[in-house]
Amino acid sequence: MKCEICNKNIETTFMGKILGTYIKDDKGKKHTICFECQKKFNNNKTKILENIK
């Protein structure tokens, strides 16, 4: 799985969970975000959605 902002591979835990988050846009589509990008945008949903490619 890749981050939709920086296109880096997102690591997973041994249980299959990602080390990052999913963010839904207005249409209900899920976007995967890595931990570094989440930290870079201060976990602000509107800033993250503006920077998705």
PDB file of N, CA and C in Angstrom:
ATOM      1  N   MET A   1       0.847  -1.169   0.000  1.00  0.00           N
ATOM      2  CA  MET A   1       0.000   0.000   0.000  1.00  0.00           C
ATOM      3  C   MET A   1       0.892   1.231   0.000  1.00  0.00           C
ATOM      4  N   LYS A   2       0.512   2.260  -0.748  1.00  0.00           N
ATOM      5  CA  LYS A   2       1.325   3.468  -0.863  1.00  0.00           C
ATOM      6  C   LYS A   2       0.589   4.680  -0.315  1.00  0.00           C
ATOM      7  N   CYS A   3       1.373   5.630   0.195  1.00  0.00           N
ATOM      8  CA  CYS A   3       0.832   6.903   0.658  1.00  0.00           C
ATOM      9  C   CYS A   3       0.392   7.699  -0.563  1.00  0.00           C
ATOM     10  N   GLU A   4      -0.763   8.342  -0.483  1.00  0.00           N
ATOM     11  CA  GLU A   4      -1.269   9.081  -1.632  1.00  0.00           C
ATOM     12  C   GLU A   4      -0.715  10.493  -1.719  1.00  0.00           C
ATOM     13  N   ILE A   5       0.144  10.894  -0.774  1.00  0.00           N
ATOM     14  CA  ILE A   5       0.785  12.203  -0.852  1.00  0.00           C
ATOM     15  C   ILE A   5       2.217  12.057  -1.352  1.00  0.00           C
ATOM     16  N   CYS A   6       3.016  11.196  -0.701  1.00  0.00           N
ATOM     17  CA  CYS A   6       4.431  11.090  -1.051  1.00  0.00           C
ATOM     18  C   CYS A   6       4.779   9.828  -1.841  1.00  0.00           C
ATOM     19  N   ASN A   7       3.834   8.933  -2.049  1.00  0.00           N
ATOM     20  CA  ASN A   7       3.997   7.682  -2.805  1.00  0.00           C
ATOM     21  C   ASN A   7       5.007   6.710  -2.208  1.00  0.00           C
ATOM     22  N   LYS A   8       5.325   6.848  -0.911  1.00  0.00           N
ATOM     23  CA  LYS A   8       6.179   5.876  -0.238  1.00  0.00           C
ATOM     24  C   LYS A   8       5.333   4.681   0.194  1.00  0.00           C
ATOM     25  N   ASN A   9       5.966   3.520   0.284  1.00  0.00           N
ATOM     26  CA  ASN A   9       5.258   2.340   0.775  1.00  0.00           C
ATOM     27  C   ASN A   9       4.959   2.516   2.255  1.00  0.00           C
ATOM     28  N   ILE A  10       3.748   2.188   2.662  1.00  0.00           N
ATOM     29  CA  ILE A  10       3.360   2.264   4.055  1.00  0.00           C
ATOM     30  C   ILE A  10       3.597   0.899   4.681  1.00  0.00           C
ATOM     31  N   GLU A  11       4.339   0.887   5.789  1.00  0.00           N
ATOM     32  CA  GLU A  11       4.623  -0.369   6.466  1.00  0.00           C
ATOM     33  C   GLU A  11       3.371  -0.878   7.178  1.00  0.00           C
ATOM     34  N   THR A  12       3.332  -2.182   7.377  1.00  0.00           N
ATOM     35  CA  THR A  12       2.204  -2.784   8.084  1.00  0.00           C
ATOM     36  C   THR A  12       2.722  -3.530   9.308  1.00  0.00           C
ATOM     37  N   THR A  13       1.850  -3.709  10.281  1.00  0.00           N
ATOM     38  CA  THR A  13       2.206  -4.496  11.451  1.00  0.00           C
ATOM     39  C   THR A  13       2.013  -5.963  11.128  1.00  0.00           C
ATOM     40  N   PHE A  14       2.363  -6.827  12.047  1.00  0.00           N
ATOM     41  CA  PHE A  14       2.222  -8.264  11.799  1.00  0.00           C
ATOM     42  C   PHE A  14       0.762  -8.697  11.727  1.00  0.00           C
ATOM     43  N   MET A  15      -0.143  -7.837  12.211  1.00  0.00           N
ATOM     44  CA  MET A  15      -1.570  -8.148  12.140  1.00  0.00           C
ATOM     45  C   MET A  15      -2.217  -7.599  10.864  1.00  0.00           C
ATOM     46  N   GLY A  16      -1.447  -6.896  10.024  1.00  0.00           N
ATOM     47  CA  GLY A  16      -1.972  -6.395   8.768  1.00  0.00           C
ATOM     48  C   GLY A  16      -2.469  -4.964   8.822  1.00  0.00           C
ATOM     49  N   LYS A  17      -2.309  -4.300   9.965  1.00  0.00           N
ATOM     50  CA  LYS A  17      -2.734  -2.901  10.066  1.00  0.00           C
ATOM     51  C   LYS A  17      -1.628  -2.002   9.538  1.00  0.00           C
ATOM     52  N   ILE A  18      -2.000  -0.845   8.972  1.00  0.00           N
ATOM     53  CA  ILE A  18      -1.008   0.058   8.420  1.00  0.00           C
ATOM     54  C   ILE A  18      -0.486   0.997   9.502  1.00  0.00           C
ATOM     55  N   LEU A  19       0.770   1.453   9.321  1.00  0.00           N
ATOM     56  CA  LEU A  19       1.352   2.445  10.214  1.00  0.00           C
ATOM     57  C   LEU A  19       1.078   3.814   9.599  1.00  0.00           C
ATOM     58  N   GLY A  20      -0.118   4.262   9.731  1.00  0.00           N
ATOM     59  CA  GLY A  20      -0.602   5.499   9.148  1.00  0.00           C
ATOM     60  C   GLY A  20      -2.078   5.590   9.410  1.00  0.00           C
ATOM     61  N   THR A  21      -2.806   6.183   8.469  1.00  0.00           N
ATOM     62  CA  THR A  21      -4.235   6.330   8.676  1.00  0.00           C
ATOM     63  C   THR A  21      -4.966   6.326   7.349  1.00  0.00           C
ATOM     64  N   TYR A  22      -6.257   6.126   7.442  1.00  0.00           N
ATOM     65  CA  TYR A  22      -7.166   6.277   6.306  1.00  0.00           C
ATOM     66  C   TYR A  22      -7.934   7.569   6.524  1.00  0.00           C
ATOM     67  N   ILE A  23      -8.097   8.355   5.455  1.00  0.00           N
ATOM     68  CA  ILE A  23      -8.891   9.580   5.542  1.00  0.00           C
ATOM     69  C   ILE A  23      -9.933   9.536   4.437  1.00  0.00           C
ATOM     70  N   LYS A  24     -11.191   9.800   4.802  1.00  0.00           N
ATOM     71  CA  LYS A  24     -12.265   9.828   3.809  1.00  0.00           C
ATOM     72  C   LYS A  24     -12.454  11.250   3.301  1.00  0.00           C
ATOM     73  N   ASP A  25     -12.668  11.382   1.987  1.00  0.00           N
ATOM     74  CA  ASP A  25     -12.974  12.692   1.420  1.00  0.00           C
ATOM     75  C   ASP A  25     -14.486  12.907   1.442  1.00  0.00           C
ATOM     76  N   ASP A  26     -14.934  13.991   0.819  1.00  0.00           N
ATOM     77  CA  ASP A  26     -16.358  14.325   0.836  1.00  0.00           C
ATOM     78  C   ASP A  26     -17.221  13.280   0.133  1.00  0.00           C
ATOM     79  N   LYS A  27     -16.649  12.591  -0.855  1.00  0.00           N
ATOM     80  CA  LYS A  27     -17.404  11.590  -1.615  1.00  0.00           C
ATOM     81  C   LYS A  27     -17.415  10.230  -0.929  1.00  0.00           C
ATOM     82  N   GLY A  28     -16.654  10.089   0.163  1.00  0.00           N
ATOM     83  CA  GLY A  28     -16.624   8.831   0.893  1.00  0.00           C
ATOM     84  C   GLY A  28     -15.498   7.905   0.489  1.00  0.00           C
ATOM     85  N   LYS A  29     -14.608   8.339  -0.418  1.00  0.00           N
ATOM     86  CA  LYS A  29     -13.492   7.510  -0.844  1.00  0.00           C
ATOM     87  C   LYS A  29     -12.390   7.551   0.208  1.00  0.00           C
ATOM     88  N   LYS A  30     -11.827   6.382   0.529  1.00  0.00           N
ATOM     89  CA  LYS A  30     -10.756   6.300   1.512  1.00  0.00           C
ATOM     90  C   LYS A  30      -9.409   6.570   0.850  1.00  0.00           C
ATOM     91  N   HIS A  31      -8.570   7.348   1.529  1.00  0.00           N
ATOM     92  CA  HIS A  31      -7.217   7.625   1.077  1.00  0.00           C
ATOM     93  C   HIS A  31      -6.258   7.180   2.169  1.00  0.00           C
ATOM     94  N   THR A  32      -5.148   6.535   1.776  1.00  0.00           N
ATOM     95  CA  THR A  32      -4.167   6.081   2.751  1.00  0.00           C
ATOM     96  C   THR A  32      -3.069   7.126   2.891  1.00  0.00           C
ATOM     97  N   ILE A  33      -2.716   7.435   4.132  1.00  0.00           N
ATOM     98  CA  ILE A  33      -1.718   8.447   4.436  1.00  0.00           C
ATOM     99  C   ILE A  33      -0.685   7.821   5.370  1.00  0.00           C
ATOM    100  N   CYS A  34       0.611   8.015   5.084  1.00  0.00           N
ATOM    101  CA  CYS A  34       1.647   7.458   5.941  1.00  0.00           C
ATOM    102  C   CYS A  34       1.816   8.319   7.198  1.00  0.00           C
ATOM    103  N   PHE A  35       2.516   7.762   8.165  1.00  0.00           N
ATOM    104  CA  PHE A  35       2.705   8.422   9.450  1.00  0.00           C
ATOM    105  C   PHE A  35       3.489   9.731   9.302  1.00  0.00           C
ATOM    106  N   GLU A  36       4.496   9.756   8.410  1.00  0.00           N
ATOM    107  CA  GLU A  36       5.317  10.956   8.231  1.00  0.00           C
ATOM    108  C   GLU A  36       4.506  12.109   7.652  1.00  0.00           C
ATOM    109  N   CYS A  37       3.674  11.846   6.660  1.00  0.00           N
ATOM    110  CA  CYS A  37       2.837  12.896   6.070  1.00  0.00           C
ATOM    111  C   CYS A  37       1.767  13.356   7.052  1.00  0.00           C
ATOM    112  N   GLN A  38       1.279  12.437   7.837  1.00  0.00           N
ATOM    113  CA  GLN A  38       0.290  12.782   8.845  1.00  0.00           C
ATOM    114  C   GLN A  38       0.914  13.743   9.863  1.00  0.00           C
ATOM    115  N   LYS A  39       2.158  13.490  10.217  1.00  0.00           N
ATOM    116  CA  LYS A  39       2.864  14.344  11.171  1.00  0.00           C
ATOM    117  C   LYS A  39       3.229  15.688  10.529  1.00  0.00           C
ATOM    118  N   LYS A  40       3.597  15.660   9.242  1.00  0.00           N
ATOM    119  CA  LYS A  40       4.001  16.877   8.543  1.00  0.00           C
ATOM    120  C   LYS A  40       2.859  17.886   8.449  1.00  0.00           C
ATOM    121  N   PHE A  41       1.628  17.419   8.289  1.00  0.00           N
ATOM    122  CA  PHE A  41       0.464  18.308   8.179  1.00  0.00           C
ATOM    123  C   PHE A  41      -0.296  18.437   9.488  1.00  0.00           C
ATOM    124  N   ASN A  42       0.349  18.086  10.605  1.00  0.00           N
ATOM    125  CA  ASN A  42      -0.209  18.237  11.945  1.00  0.00           C
ATOM    126  C   ASN A  42      -1.566  17.545  12.107  1.00  0.00           C
ATOM    127  N   ASN A  43      -1.752  16.459  11.382  1.00  0.00           N
ATOM    128  CA  ASN A  43      -2.975  15.663  11.455  1.00  0.00           C
ATOM    129  C   ASN A  43      -4.231  16.488  11.153  1.00  0.00           C
ATOM    130  N   ASN A  44      -4.085  17.523  10.329  1.00  0.00           N
ATOM    131  CA  ASN A  44      -5.197  18.391   9.933  1.00  0.00           C
ATOM    132  C   ASN A  44      -5.840  17.810   8.676  1.00  0.00           C
ATOM    133  N   LYS A  45      -7.080  17.380   8.779  1.00  0.00           N
ATOM    134  CA  LYS A  45      -7.750  16.677   7.686  1.00  0.00           C
ATOM    135  C   LYS A  45      -7.869  17.536   6.429  1.00  0.00           C
ATOM    136  N   THR A  46      -8.187  18.817   6.571  1.00  0.00           N
ATOM    137  CA  THR A  46      -8.369  19.671   5.386  1.00  0.00           C
ATOM    138  C   THR A  46      -7.047  19.880   4.660  1.00  0.00           C
ATOM    139  N   LYS A  47      -5.953  20.070   5.385  1.00  0.00           N
ATOM    140  CA  LYS A  47      -4.637  20.242   4.745  1.00  0.00           C
ATOM    141  C   LYS A  47      -4.197  18.973   4.033  1.00  0.00           C
ATOM    142  N   ILE A  48      -4.468  17.831   4.658  1.00  0.00           N
ATOM    143  CA  ILE A  48      -4.083  16.549   4.047  1.00  0.00           C
ATOM    144  C   ILE A  48      -4.869  16.308   2.762  1.00  0.00           C
ATOM    145  N   LEU A  49      -6.183  16.568   2.794  1.00  0.00           N
ATOM    146  CA  LEU A  49      -7.010  16.346   1.594  1.00  0.00           C
ATOM    147  C   LEU A  49      -6.615  17.291   0.456  1.00  0.00           C
ATOM    148  N   GLU A  50      -6.128  18.501   0.773  1.00  0.00           N
ATOM    149  CA  GLU A  50      -5.692  19.427  -0.279  1.00  0.00           C
ATOM    150  C   GLU A  50      -4.438  18.925  -0.969  1.00  0.00           C
ATOM    151  N   ASN A  51      -3.591  18.158  -0.288  1.00  0.00           N
ATOM    152  CA  ASN A  51      -2.311  17.733  -0.836  1.00  0.00           C
ATOM    153  C   ASN A  51      -2.313  16.338  -1.450  1.00  0.00           C
ATOM    154  N   ILE A  52      -3.461  15.688  -1.475  1.00  0.00           N
ATOM    155  CA  ILE A  52      -3.539  14.356  -2.089  1.00  0.00           C
ATOM    156  C   ILE A  52      -3.435  14.499  -3.606  1.00  0.00           C
ATOM    157  N   LYS A  53      -2.602  13.647  -4.202  1.00  0.00           N
ATOM    158  CA  LYS A  53      -2.378  13.707  -5.647  1.00  0.00           C
ATOM    159  C   LYS A  53      -3.491  13.032  -6.408  1.00  0.00           C
TER     160      LYS A  53
END
